[in-house]
Protein backbone atom coordinates (compact mmCIF):
# COMPACT_ATOMS: atom_id res chain seq x y z
CA UNK A 1 81.08 135.45 88.75
CA UNK A 2 83.71 134.14 86.33
CA UNK A 3 86.37 136.14 88.18
CA UNK A 4 85.31 134.42 91.41
CA UNK A 5 85.47 130.99 89.80
CA UNK A 6 88.83 131.70 88.21
CA UNK A 7 90.28 132.63 91.61
CA UNK A 8 89.85 128.88 92.28
CA UNK A 9 91.41 127.71 89.03
CA UNK A 10 94.02 125.63 90.87
CA UNK A 11 91.23 123.64 92.50
CA UNK A 12 89.92 122.91 89.02
CA UNK A 13 92.40 123.42 86.19
CA UNK A 14 90.72 121.13 83.65
CA UNK A 15 87.35 122.71 82.87
CA UNK A 16 85.05 125.65 83.54
CA UNK A 17 81.27 125.80 83.52
CA UNK A 18 78.52 128.35 84.22
CA UNK A 19 74.77 128.04 84.69
CA UNK A 20 72.57 131.16 84.82
CA UNK A 21 68.79 131.11 85.12
CA UNK A 22 66.49 133.72 86.62
CA UNK A 23 67.86 135.19 89.87
CA UNK A 24 70.42 132.40 90.45
CA UNK A 25 73.71 131.34 88.94
CA UNK A 26 76.58 128.95 89.61
CA UNK A 27 80.08 128.66 88.16
CA UNK A 28 82.47 125.76 88.56
CA UNK A 29 86.14 124.85 88.08
CA UNK A 30 86.74 121.14 87.54
CA UNK A 31 89.54 118.74 88.37
CA UNK A 32 88.55 115.81 86.11
CA UNK A 33 88.81 112.41 87.82
CA UNK A 34 85.62 110.37 87.20
CA UNK A 35 84.05 110.49 83.72
CA UNK A 36 86.83 112.72 82.48
CA UNK A 37 85.25 113.07 79.04
CA UNK A 38 81.60 113.55 79.96
CA UNK A 39 81.44 114.91 83.50
CA UNK A 40 81.36 118.64 82.66
CA UNK A 41 79.69 120.70 85.40
CA UNK A 42 77.20 122.19 86.15
CA UNK A 43 75.13 119.03 85.53
CA UNK A 44 71.37 119.24 84.94
CA UNK A 45 68.49 116.78 85.17
CA UNK A 46 66.48 115.62 82.13
CA UNK A 47 64.08 118.57 82.27
CA UNK A 48 66.85 121.09 82.99
CA UNK A 49 65.07 122.59 85.97
CA UNK A 50 67.67 121.34 88.47
CA UNK A 51 71.37 122.21 88.14
CA UNK A 52 74.21 121.11 90.41
CA UNK A 53 77.94 121.48 91.00
CA UNK A 54 79.83 119.20 93.37
CA UNK A 55 83.40 119.26 94.62
CA UNK A 56 84.59 115.84 95.75
CA UNK A 57 83.68 112.22 95.09
CA UNK A 58 80.63 110.01 95.73
CA UNK A 59 81.92 106.49 96.35
CA UNK A 60 78.55 104.69 96.22
CA UNK A 61 77.44 106.28 92.95
CA UNK A 62 77.33 102.98 91.04
CA UNK A 63 74.80 101.42 93.44
CA UNK A 64 72.73 104.62 93.52
CA UNK A 65 72.78 104.83 89.71
CA UNK A 66 71.42 101.29 89.37
CA UNK A 67 68.64 102.07 91.86
CA UNK A 68 67.70 105.29 90.06
CA UNK A 69 67.69 103.65 86.63
CA UNK A 70 65.27 101.04 87.99
CA UNK A 71 62.99 103.93 88.93
CA UNK A 72 63.03 105.32 85.40
CA UNK A 73 65.77 107.95 85.51
CA UNK A 74 67.79 108.47 82.34
CA UNK A 75 71.49 109.37 82.49
CA UNK A 76 73.55 111.27 79.93
CA UNK A 77 76.95 110.82 81.62
CA UNK A 78 78.87 108.42 83.85
CA UNK A 79 79.49 111.19 86.39
CA UNK A 80 78.88 110.63 90.10
CA UNK A 81 77.49 114.18 90.22
CA UNK A 82 74.65 113.34 87.84
CA UNK A 83 73.67 110.55 90.26
CA UNK A 84 73.30 113.16 93.01
CA UNK A 85 71.09 115.32 90.77
CA UNK A 86 68.66 112.47 90.11
CA UNK A 87 68.76 111.38 93.74
CA UNK A 88 67.62 114.88 94.68
CA UNK A 89 64.64 114.47 92.36
CA UNK A 90 63.66 111.41 94.38
CA UNK A 91 64.28 112.46 97.98
CA UNK A 92 64.97 116.21 98.00
CA UNK A 93 67.34 117.54 100.64
CA UNK A 94 67.59 114.07 102.19
CA UNK A 95 69.94 113.08 99.38
CA UNK A 96 72.83 113.90 101.74
CA UNK A 97 71.79 110.98 103.94
CA UNK A 98 72.29 108.55 101.03
CA UNK A 99 75.63 109.83 99.76
CA UNK A 100 78.84 108.08 100.84
CA UNK A 101 81.80 110.27 100.09
CA UNK A 102 83.52 113.62 100.48
CA UNK A 103 81.62 116.51 98.99
CA UNK A 104 80.53 120.11 99.01
CA UNK A 105 77.75 120.93 96.59
CA UNK A 106 75.42 123.67 95.42
CA UNK A 107 72.10 122.77 93.80
CA UNK A 108 69.65 125.13 92.10
CA UNK A 109 66.00 123.99 91.94
CA UNK A 110 63.69 125.80 89.48
CA UNK A 111 60.85 123.26 89.45
CA UNK A 112 58.54 125.88 90.99
CA UNK A 113 59.32 128.99 88.90
CA UNK A 114 57.72 131.21 91.54
CA UNK A 115 59.99 129.82 94.30
CA UNK A 116 63.46 128.96 93.00
CA UNK A 117 65.60 127.36 95.69
CA UNK A 118 69.25 126.84 96.58
CA UNK A 119 70.52 123.85 98.53
CA UNK A 120 74.10 123.73 99.80
CA UNK A 121 75.51 120.62 101.45
CA UNK A 122 78.78 119.55 103.05
CA UNK A 123 79.99 116.02 103.81
CA UNK A 124 79.69 114.55 107.29
CA UNK A 125 83.30 114.96 108.42
CA UNK A 126 84.06 118.23 106.62
CA UNK A 127 86.62 116.85 104.19
CA UNK A 128 85.52 119.36 101.56
CA UNK A 129 85.05 123.06 102.48
CA UNK A 130 82.05 125.31 101.84
CA UNK A 131 81.67 129.01 102.73
CA UNK A 132 78.74 131.38 102.30
CA UNK A 133 77.85 135.04 102.85
CA UNK A 134 74.82 137.31 102.77
CA UNK A 135 75.51 140.23 100.47
CA UNK A 136 73.55 143.13 99.03
CA UNK A 137 72.75 140.90 96.05
CA UNK A 138 71.57 137.88 98.03
CA UNK A 139 73.48 134.71 98.93
CA UNK A 140 77.02 133.92 97.78
CA UNK A 141 78.93 130.68 98.30
CA UNK A 142 82.25 129.10 97.34
CA UNK A 143 84.83 126.47 98.27
CA UNK A 144 87.19 129.16 99.61
CA UNK A 145 86.70 132.69 100.99
CA UNK A 146 88.91 134.18 98.26
CA UNK A 147 86.19 133.48 95.69
CA UNK A 148 83.53 135.25 97.76
CA UNK A 149 85.90 138.18 98.28
CA UNK A 150 86.49 138.30 94.53
CA UNK A 151 82.79 139.00 94.00
CA UNK A 152 83.40 142.41 95.57
CA UNK A 153 80.47 142.56 98.00
CA UNK A 154 82.29 141.49 101.18
CA UNK A 155 84.86 143.71 102.94
CA UNK A 156 88.38 142.41 103.50
CA UNK A 157 88.14 142.72 107.27
CA UNK A 158 89.27 140.29 109.96
CA UNK A 159 86.49 139.26 112.34
CA UNK A 160 87.58 140.67 115.70
CA UNK A 161 86.89 137.50 117.73
CA UNK A 162 88.81 135.44 115.19
CA UNK A 163 92.09 137.00 116.29
CA UNK A 164 91.62 135.65 119.81
CA UNK A 165 90.51 132.24 118.50
CA UNK A 166 93.46 132.03 116.15
CA UNK A 167 96.13 132.92 118.68
CA UNK A 168 94.72 130.50 121.25
CA UNK A 169 93.96 127.57 118.95
CA UNK A 170 96.20 128.10 115.94
CA UNK A 171 93.17 128.13 113.63
CA UNK A 172 89.74 129.74 113.30
CA UNK A 173 86.92 127.24 113.46
CA UNK A 174 83.20 126.74 113.79
CA UNK A 175 80.40 128.41 111.84
CA UNK A 176 82.24 131.75 111.50
CA UNK A 177 85.27 132.18 109.27
CA UNK A 178 88.17 134.52 109.98
CA UNK A 179 86.57 137.05 107.62
CA UNK A 180 83.85 139.35 108.92
CA UNK A 181 80.67 138.52 107.01
CA UNK A 182 81.80 135.15 105.59
CA UNK A 183 80.38 132.05 107.27
CA UNK A 184 81.50 128.44 107.17
CA UNK A 185 78.88 125.73 106.60
CA UNK A 186 79.61 123.19 109.35
CA UNK A 187 80.37 119.60 108.43
CA UNK A 188 77.31 117.37 108.26
CA UNK A 189 74.95 120.29 107.57
CA UNK A 190 72.86 121.64 104.72
CA UNK A 191 71.78 125.20 103.94
CA UNK A 192 68.51 125.92 102.16
CA UNK A 193 67.72 129.35 100.73
CA UNK A 194 65.09 131.06 98.62
CA UNK A 195 65.86 134.47 97.08
CA UNK A 196 64.58 137.15 99.43
CA UNK A 197 64.41 134.72 102.34
CA UNK A 198 66.62 133.68 105.25
CA UNK A 199 69.13 130.79 105.06
CA UNK A 200 68.00 127.69 106.97
CA UNK A 201 70.87 125.56 108.25
CA UNK A 202 70.16 122.00 109.42
CA UNK A 203 72.32 119.21 110.80
CA UNK A 204 71.82 115.89 109.00
CA UNK A 205 74.55 113.76 110.63
CA UNK A 206 76.25 113.34 113.96
CA UNK A 207 78.27 110.78 115.83
CA UNK A 208 76.32 108.69 118.35
CA UNK A 209 75.58 110.72 121.48
CA UNK A 210 74.35 108.14 123.97
CA UNK A 211 75.82 104.73 123.18
CA UNK A 212 79.21 103.09 122.95
CA UNK A 213 80.13 99.88 121.14
CA UNK A 214 79.82 96.62 123.03
CA UNK A 215 83.24 95.02 123.42
CA UNK A 216 84.08 92.11 121.11
CA UNK A 217 86.75 89.50 121.46
CA UNK A 218 90.14 90.75 120.33
CA UNK A 219 90.15 88.25 117.45
CA UNK A 220 86.71 89.29 116.20
CA UNK A 221 87.41 92.99 116.65
CA UNK A 222 90.71 92.76 114.79
CA UNK A 223 89.09 90.92 111.89
CA UNK A 224 86.31 93.52 111.74
CA UNK A 225 88.78 96.42 111.64
CA UNK A 226 90.87 94.81 108.89
CA UNK A 227 87.78 94.07 106.80
CA UNK A 228 86.54 97.65 107.15
CA UNK A 229 89.95 99.10 106.26
CA UNK A 230 90.00 97.02 103.09
CA UNK A 231 86.41 97.98 102.28
CA UNK A 232 86.80 101.75 102.61
CA UNK A 233 90.24 101.81 100.96
CA UNK A 234 88.92 99.76 98.05
CA UNK A 235 85.97 102.13 97.55
CA UNK A 236 88.34 105.12 97.44
CA UNK A 237 90.43 103.76 94.58
CA UNK A 238 88.10 104.56 91.66
CA UNK A 239 89.81 106.99 89.31
CA UNK A 240 90.36 107.52 85.59
CA UNK A 241 93.58 109.42 86.29
CA UNK A 242 96.84 108.39 88.04
CA UNK A 243 96.35 107.56 91.72
CA UNK A 244 98.85 107.03 94.54
CA UNK A 245 99.27 107.50 98.29
CA UNK A 246 101.01 109.57 100.93
CA UNK A 247 103.31 107.34 102.97
CA UNK A 248 105.00 108.30 106.25
CA UNK A 249 106.51 106.11 108.93
CA UNK A 250 103.25 106.06 110.89
CA UNK A 251 100.62 103.39 111.38
CA UNK A 252 97.73 105.03 109.53
CA UNK A 253 99.31 105.79 106.16
CA UNK A 254 101.18 102.47 106.22
CA UNK A 255 97.96 100.57 106.90
CA UNK A 256 96.27 102.33 104.00
CA UNK A 257 99.14 101.63 101.59
CA UNK A 258 99.26 97.99 102.69
CA UNK A 259 95.52 97.69 101.98
CA UNK A 260 96.03 99.32 98.57
CA UNK A 261 98.67 96.71 97.78
CA UNK A 262 96.10 94.00 98.55
CA UNK A 263 93.52 95.58 96.26
CA UNK A 264 95.87 95.42 93.27
CA UNK A 265 94.58 96.45 89.87
CA UNK A 266 97.05 99.29 89.26
CA UNK A 267 100.72 100.07 89.97
CA UNK A 268 101.17 101.26 93.54
CA UNK A 269 102.73 104.72 93.82
CA UNK A 270 103.77 106.16 97.22
CA UNK A 271 105.09 109.64 98.00
CA UNK A 272 107.03 110.71 101.12
CA UNK A 273 108.98 113.66 102.48
CA UNK A 274 111.56 113.86 105.25
CA UNK A 275 113.88 116.22 107.11
CA UNK A 276 117.60 116.41 107.71
CA UNK A 277 116.80 116.67 111.43
CA UNK A 278 116.54 113.03 112.53
CA UNK A 279 114.16 113.88 115.36
CA UNK A 280 111.50 114.69 112.75
CA UNK A 281 112.47 112.30 109.95
CA UNK A 282 110.58 109.11 109.04
CA UNK A 283 111.84 108.78 105.50
CA UNK A 284 113.88 105.62 106.01
CA UNK A 285 110.89 103.86 107.57
CA UNK A 286 108.71 104.95 104.66
CA UNK A 287 111.29 103.62 102.19
CA UNK A 288 111.27 100.23 103.90
CA UNK A 289 107.46 100.11 103.79
CA UNK A 290 107.34 101.07 100.12
CA UNK A 291 109.81 98.29 99.32
CA UNK A 292 107.81 95.79 101.39
CA UNK A 293 104.60 96.58 99.48
CA UNK A 294 106.22 96.77 96.06
CA UNK A 295 105.42 100.45 95.62
CA UNK A 296 107.04 102.87 93.22
CA UNK A 297 108.41 105.27 95.82
CA UNK A 298 109.07 108.99 95.38
CA UNK A 299 110.80 110.78 98.26
CA UNK A 300 112.29 114.18 98.96
CA UNK A 301 114.17 115.77 101.87
CA UNK A 302 112.73 119.17 102.83
CA UNK A 303 114.80 122.27 103.48
CA UNK A 304 113.55 125.44 105.22
CA UNK A 305 112.34 127.86 102.56
CA UNK A 306 111.45 131.37 103.80
CA UNK A 307 109.95 132.30 100.43
CA UNK A 308 107.47 129.43 100.66
CA UNK A 309 106.36 130.57 104.09
CA UNK A 310 106.03 134.25 103.26
CA UNK A 311 104.98 134.20 99.60
CA UNK A 312 103.15 130.99 98.65
CA UNK A 313 101.35 129.57 101.69
CA UNK A 314 99.62 132.80 102.84
CA UNK A 315 97.72 132.95 99.54
CA UNK A 316 96.94 129.23 99.59
CA UNK A 317 95.47 129.42 103.10
CA UNK A 318 93.03 132.29 102.84
CA UNK A 319 92.32 132.06 106.55
CA UNK A 320 95.28 132.17 108.94
CA UNK A 321 96.33 128.63 109.91
CA UNK A 322 99.27 128.22 112.28
CA UNK A 323 99.82 124.48 111.88
CA UNK A 324 103.53 124.17 110.97
CA UNK A 325 102.81 120.95 109.10
CA UNK A 326 101.23 123.06 106.35
CA UNK A 327 104.78 123.28 105.00
CA UNK A 328 105.47 119.53 104.53
CA UNK A 329 101.84 118.94 103.54
CA UNK A 330 102.12 121.47 100.71
CA UNK A 331 105.51 120.14 99.61
CA UNK A 332 104.52 116.47 99.63
CA UNK A 333 101.38 117.43 97.68
CA UNK A 334 103.45 119.36 95.15
CA UNK A 335 105.84 116.45 94.75
CA UNK A 336 103.01 113.90 94.51
CA UNK A 337 101.30 115.95 91.79
CA UNK A 338 104.31 115.30 89.57
CA UNK A 339 103.26 111.63 89.52
CA UNK A 340 99.52 111.37 90.35
CA UNK A 341 96.30 113.37 90.34
CA UNK A 342 94.70 111.57 93.32
CA UNK A 343 96.47 110.70 96.59
CA UNK A 344 95.09 108.43 99.32
CA UNK A 345 95.97 109.56 102.86
CA UNK A 346 95.89 108.07 106.35
CA UNK A 347 94.14 111.06 107.94
CA UNK A 348 91.57 110.17 110.58
CA UNK A 349 93.13 107.22 112.35
CA UNK A 350 94.26 109.30 115.32
CA UNK A 351 90.80 110.85 115.80
CA UNK A 352 88.92 107.56 115.43
CA UNK A 353 91.17 105.32 117.54
CA UNK A 354 92.55 107.97 119.98
CA UNK A 355 96.09 107.94 118.64
CA UNK A 356 97.17 111.42 119.69
CA UNK A 357 99.33 111.86 122.78
CA UNK A 358 96.79 114.45 123.95
CA UNK A 359 94.27 111.65 124.57
CA UNK A 360 96.74 109.61 126.61
CA UNK A 361 97.66 112.63 128.74
CA UNK A 362 94.02 113.64 129.20
CA UNK A 363 93.05 110.14 130.29
CA UNK A 364 95.84 110.15 132.88
CA UNK A 365 94.72 113.58 134.14
CA UNK A 366 91.13 112.41 134.48
CA UNK A 367 92.15 109.37 136.52
CA UNK A 368 94.26 111.50 138.86
CA UNK A 369 91.58 114.21 139.07
CA UNK A 370 89.08 111.64 140.30
CA UNK A 371 91.51 110.23 142.87
CA UNK A 372 92.40 113.65 144.32
CA UNK A 373 88.92 114.71 145.40
CA UNK A 374 87.81 118.33 145.64
CA UNK A 375 90.45 119.57 148.16
CA UNK A 376 93.26 117.97 146.18
CA UNK A 377 92.07 119.58 142.95
CA UNK A 378 92.09 123.01 144.58
CA UNK A 379 95.64 122.46 145.82
CA UNK A 380 96.82 121.26 142.43
CA UNK A 381 95.42 124.32 140.72
CA UNK A 382 97.21 126.60 143.20
CA UNK A 383 100.48 124.76 142.53
CA UNK A 384 99.90 125.16 138.81
CA UNK A 385 99.61 128.93 139.19
CA UNK A 386 102.88 129.30 141.11
CA UNK A 387 104.91 126.61 139.30
CA UNK A 388 107.35 128.14 136.77
CA UNK A 389 106.98 127.55 133.04
CA UNK A 390 110.12 125.51 132.28
CA UNK A 391 110.06 125.24 128.49
CA UNK A 392 113.57 123.89 128.14
CA UNK A 393 113.68 121.68 131.24
CA UNK A 394 113.49 117.87 130.99
CA UNK A 395 109.89 116.79 130.34
CA UNK A 396 109.21 115.49 133.91
CA UNK A 397 109.92 118.99 135.26
CA UNK A 398 107.47 120.72 132.85
CA UNK A 399 104.47 120.19 135.11
CA UNK A 400 102.75 123.59 135.06
CA UNK A 401 99.96 122.66 132.62
CA UNK A 402 99.44 119.27 134.27
CA UNK A 403 99.07 120.74 137.76
CA UNK A 404 96.80 123.55 136.55
CA UNK A 405 94.58 121.11 134.70
CA UNK A 406 93.99 118.92 137.74
CA UNK A 407 92.04 121.80 139.29
CA UNK A 408 89.88 122.39 136.21
CA UNK A 409 86.72 120.72 134.96
CA UNK A 410 87.59 117.96 132.43
CA UNK A 411 86.38 119.86 129.35
CA UNK A 412 88.22 123.07 130.14
CA UNK A 413 91.33 121.12 131.16
CA UNK A 414 91.39 119.32 127.82
CA UNK A 415 90.86 122.54 125.88
CA UNK A 416 93.67 124.20 127.84
CA UNK A 417 96.00 121.28 127.06
CA UNK A 418 95.41 121.44 123.31
CA UNK A 419 95.49 125.25 123.04
CA UNK A 420 98.79 126.78 122.01
CA UNK A 421 98.22 129.79 124.32
CA UNK A 422 95.84 130.44 127.18
CA UNK A 423 93.27 133.21 126.92
CA UNK A 424 95.21 135.24 129.50
CA UNK A 425 98.47 134.89 127.56
CA UNK A 426 96.80 136.14 124.39
CA UNK A 427 95.18 139.10 126.14
CA UNK A 428 98.65 140.19 127.34
CA UNK A 429 99.73 140.44 123.71
CA UNK A 430 96.83 142.52 122.41
CA UNK A 431 96.60 146.28 122.19
CA UNK A 432 94.66 147.58 125.23
CA UNK A 433 91.63 148.81 123.29
CA UNK A 434 91.30 145.57 121.34
CA UNK A 435 91.73 143.52 124.52
CA UNK A 436 88.92 145.50 126.20
CA UNK A 437 86.60 144.86 123.27
CA UNK A 438 87.21 141.10 123.66
CA UNK A 439 86.68 141.03 127.42
CA UNK A 440 83.50 138.93 127.12
CA UNK A 441 84.77 136.62 124.37
CA UNK A 442 85.89 133.11 125.36
CA UNK A 443 86.58 130.65 122.49
CA UNK A 444 86.21 127.77 124.95
CA UNK A 445 82.44 128.21 124.90
CA UNK A 446 82.19 126.98 121.29
CA UNK A 447 84.40 124.00 122.11
CA UNK A 448 82.39 123.21 125.25
CA UNK A 449 79.17 123.00 123.21
CA UNK A 450 80.69 119.99 121.43
CA UNK A 451 82.46 118.48 124.45
CA UNK A 452 79.27 118.48 126.52
CA UNK A 453 76.96 117.20 123.77
CA UNK A 454 77.51 113.41 124.15
CA UNK A 455 75.41 111.87 126.91
CA UNK A 456 77.98 109.27 127.93
CA UNK A 457 80.22 109.14 130.99
CA UNK A 458 83.43 108.82 128.99
CA UNK A 459 85.79 111.83 128.93
CA UNK A 460 87.88 110.24 126.18
CA UNK A 461 84.88 109.96 123.85
CA UNK A 462 83.85 113.52 124.70
CA UNK A 463 87.33 114.73 123.73
CA UNK A 464 87.27 112.70 120.50
CA UNK A 465 83.77 113.93 119.69
CA UNK A 466 84.81 117.56 120.19
CA UNK A 467 87.96 117.12 118.09
CA UNK A 468 86.04 115.44 115.27
CA UNK A 469 83.74 118.48 115.16
CA UNK A 470 86.43 121.17 115.58
CA UNK A 471 90.13 120.33 115.25
CA UNK A 472 89.64 117.73 112.52
CA UNK A 473 87.61 119.76 109.97
CA UNK A 474 88.90 123.21 110.87
CA UNK A 475 92.63 122.49 111.14
CA UNK A 476 93.63 119.03 109.88
CA UNK A 477 91.31 118.73 106.88
CA UNK A 478 91.55 122.41 106.00
CA UNK A 479 95.33 122.08 105.89
CA UNK A 480 95.20 119.08 103.58
CA UNK A 481 92.48 120.48 101.32
CA UNK A 482 94.14 123.84 100.73
CA UNK A 483 97.67 122.47 100.36
CA UNK A 484 96.63 119.75 97.93
CA UNK A 485 94.15 121.75 95.87
CA UNK A 486 96.73 124.52 95.48
CA UNK A 487 98.63 122.08 93.26
CA UNK A 488 95.47 120.54 91.74
CA UNK A 489 95.76 117.29 93.70
CA UNK A 490 92.77 115.47 95.16
CA UNK A 491 93.39 113.81 98.54
CA UNK A 492 91.04 111.08 99.77
CA UNK A 493 91.08 109.91 103.44
CA UNK A 494 89.38 106.47 103.59
CA UNK A 495 89.69 106.24 107.39
CA UNK A 496 87.25 109.17 107.52
CA UNK A 497 84.51 107.27 105.72
CA UNK A 498 81.58 108.13 108.01
CA UNK A 499 80.59 104.47 108.46
CA UNK A 500 84.13 103.63 109.61
CA UNK A 501 84.13 106.58 112.02
CA UNK A 502 80.71 105.69 113.47
CA UNK A 503 81.75 102.09 113.98
CA UNK A 504 85.11 102.52 115.67
CA UNK A 505 85.14 105.94 117.35
CA UNK A 506 82.53 104.50 119.72
CA UNK A 507 84.76 101.69 121.00
CA UNK A 508 85.20 101.77 124.80
CA UNK A 509 88.16 103.74 126.13
CA UNK A 510 90.02 100.56 127.14
CA UNK A 511 89.99 99.48 123.49
CA UNK A 512 91.74 102.70 122.50
CA UNK A 513 94.28 103.44 125.27
CA UNK A 514 96.29 100.80 127.11
CA UNK A 515 99.66 101.02 128.86
CA UNK A 516 99.78 104.80 128.22
CA UNK A 517 99.60 104.31 124.47
CA UNK A 518 96.76 105.15 122.13
CA UNK A 519 95.27 103.38 119.13
CA UNK A 520 95.31 99.98 120.87
CA UNK A 521 92.53 98.27 118.89
CA UNK A 522 93.84 99.52 115.55
CA UNK A 523 97.42 98.63 116.40
CA UNK A 524 96.55 95.07 117.44
CA UNK A 525 94.24 94.53 114.46
CA UNK A 526 97.14 95.33 112.13
CA UNK A 527 99.74 93.02 113.74
CA UNK A 528 99.14 90.30 111.13
CA UNK A 529 99.90 92.86 108.39
CA UNK A 530 102.49 95.39 109.62
CA UNK A 531 105.88 94.91 111.33
CA UNK A 532 106.49 95.79 114.96
CA UNK A 533 108.84 98.60 113.89
CA UNK A 534 105.77 100.44 112.54
CA UNK A 535 103.24 99.39 115.17
CA UNK A 536 105.44 99.94 118.22
CA UNK A 537 107.69 102.77 117.03
CA UNK A 538 107.67 106.23 118.57
CA UNK A 539 104.99 108.58 117.27
CA UNK A 540 106.53 111.63 115.59
CA UNK A 541 103.75 113.54 113.91
CA UNK A 542 104.00 115.28 110.54
CA UNK A 543 105.75 118.43 111.73
CA UNK A 544 108.78 120.60 111.09
CA UNK A 545 111.70 121.42 113.46
CA UNK A 546 110.01 124.72 114.18
CA UNK A 547 112.04 126.11 117.09
CA UNK A 548 115.33 125.58 115.24
CA UNK A 549 114.04 127.08 111.99
CA UNK A 550 112.83 130.19 113.80
CA UNK A 551 116.28 130.71 115.30
CA UNK A 552 117.95 130.04 111.97
CA UNK A 553 116.67 130.47 108.39
CA UNK A 554 113.32 132.01 109.41
CA UNK A 555 114.62 134.36 112.12
CA UNK A 556 114.85 137.43 109.88
CA UNK A 557 111.45 136.80 108.25
CA UNK A 558 109.95 136.51 111.72
CA UNK A 559 111.53 139.76 112.89
CA UNK A 560 110.21 141.61 109.84
CA UNK A 561 106.70 140.21 110.31
CA UNK A 562 106.55 141.17 113.99
CA UNK A 563 107.57 144.73 113.25
CA UNK A 564 104.93 145.04 110.51
CA UNK A 565 101.89 143.78 112.44
CA UNK A 566 99.41 146.64 113.06
CA UNK A 567 99.89 148.61 116.28
CA UNK A 568 96.07 148.56 116.69
CA UNK A 569 96.26 144.78 117.12
CA UNK A 570 99.19 144.21 119.49
CA UNK A 571 100.66 145.93 122.53
CA UNK A 572 103.87 147.86 121.74
CA UNK A 573 107.11 146.02 122.46
CA UNK A 574 105.52 142.77 123.65
CA UNK A 575 106.08 140.83 120.44
CA UNK A 576 109.72 141.94 120.13
CA UNK A 577 110.29 140.85 123.74
CA UNK A 578 108.86 137.38 123.05
CA UNK A 579 111.09 137.08 119.98
CA UNK A 580 114.19 138.07 121.95
CA UNK A 581 113.38 135.48 124.64
CA UNK A 582 113.08 132.80 121.99
CA UNK A 583 116.32 133.71 120.24
CA UNK A 584 118.22 133.71 123.55
CA UNK A 585 116.91 130.25 124.46
CA UNK A 586 115.30 131.53 127.67
CA UNK A 587 111.80 130.49 126.50
CA UNK A 588 110.32 128.48 123.66
CA UNK A 589 107.86 130.80 121.91
CA UNK A 590 108.03 128.93 118.62
CA UNK A 591 104.28 128.31 118.26
CA UNK A 592 103.46 131.95 119.05
CA UNK A 593 106.12 133.32 116.72
CA UNK A 594 105.06 131.00 113.91
CA UNK A 595 101.44 132.08 114.41
CA UNK A 596 102.41 135.74 114.16
CA UNK A 597 104.60 135.14 111.10
CA UNK A 598 101.69 133.39 109.38
CA UNK A 599 99.22 136.08 110.46
CA UNK A 600 101.22 138.97 109.06
CA UNK A 601 101.87 137.36 105.70
CA UNK A 602 98.23 136.24 105.44
CA UNK A 603 97.25 139.87 106.13
CA UNK A 604 99.51 141.11 103.34
CA UNK A 605 98.57 138.44 100.80
CA UNK A 606 94.83 139.08 101.09
CA UNK A 607 94.82 142.82 101.63
CA UNK A 608 93.20 142.70 105.07
CA UNK A 609 91.97 146.18 105.89
CA UNK A 610 91.55 146.00 109.64
CA UNK A 611 89.47 144.32 112.33
CA UNK A 612 85.68 144.38 112.53
CA UNK A 613 84.07 146.78 115.00
């Protein structure tokens, strides 16, 4: 067990703790932030028949502590985790409904010696990760799969369906991890287990399914948004160690840093990274914002580093993750850790207020789909099939996806738009035997279960709802968690406070998208605080110049990776042909090639021994 915990030492470099009693045990690695001196984990109750470890922060622990003291509970520490232990004594598994914060926890309950129990819980939005597995010895769990693998009871085998999911989506999501036999506890769920029994997984939180917010006047709505931003940012600032913020040229991180400057109480530290390629660089805008808010600003220009891609990141991300922004996220985290232990981020604003371009495009498609009628949709889909894929043509001529989507149902059209490859394109890449074994597997079905769950006639909300349950926890938050914890940095996203998300994700579509631009309500609410250069500037996204890097400094690493991928996984010659097309400029295969580069080096780093039967 200690070997498993020590595989996560970068998540918790400051302390180590173990609790063993009867048939159950927990070990913990701690990054000390609140009650640095006294918050050693595991933490027990007064009678020492409940023990708990928790990764994350509980932001309402002071109010809960006062309530519990009034009910007679005695505290030995100032830790937020001890509050959760005593809250469990009062309300049992329903403690998750009272906690405001980001957390993944494991709790051992020995109060009935004949029926010891385990309770696992994960925060509502999935900011903190939690994995589990059934093994020959019972139930195992950890913050990352590498710790479960270190226990030695789980084979190092890729789940067969995960390969299809990964190549289509760029990540593996949902209740199943990329590893055969290792499961992911979904966000907003708990898992209860008794030795010898069967795990019981229950949902305790969800976004509203059947109601949207009533519109308010623009003045009232703007005031409400500003007040909530200040509230959630203020609650996220508690720390006994140095705290700062990530700052880009975008609206979300700038709004968060501006709110931090209002809160005062400590020197404001902001960290940014940029690129030499101006098309991807926001560093100058970030510098201007830092100066405006009086922040101590730390900035660095990133250079392509093949060793980082092939040596460091594959171990950090112990499931394959093809988001190219893992590179700048890791590097800005590494740079920030030189100055702070906690960083506040702007993650979540795009999901809550529909800031991604994908939402604007999907809304336009839905309007046109309705106007076409059934015959028009059939014709558009036929045109989409025959229209050439013009990767390097001017944007107005790249209409293949748009035309194809007009003939699809809204949910499948949206999924197709946000996938990096279609199912058919992936099947062309796979070795024939593997492709045949995946003939009945369609990753869209898991996405559709979320897209179809809301009972509202609002395709935009359905898309947001699905993203908040898939893309957000499984790609965006996984990227940030792994990259930051690999350098022992805690990242807190106040815009993903569940109360903030509930309140503003349910705004009507017209409050989110206007004049073919997303994030309308948020943008207008911030006009009294932020300059027009931030609010009305072009959206860039936190990405790298991927296509150019793969033709330049990463070209040789990519060629080596493609040649090393197992022949049992991919059809002979197909990958080399895609690489040659990309190098010649005939096609842009940058997302595919990056995915394969990541996959091969992940396979090497973790000793993957094949694909599940």
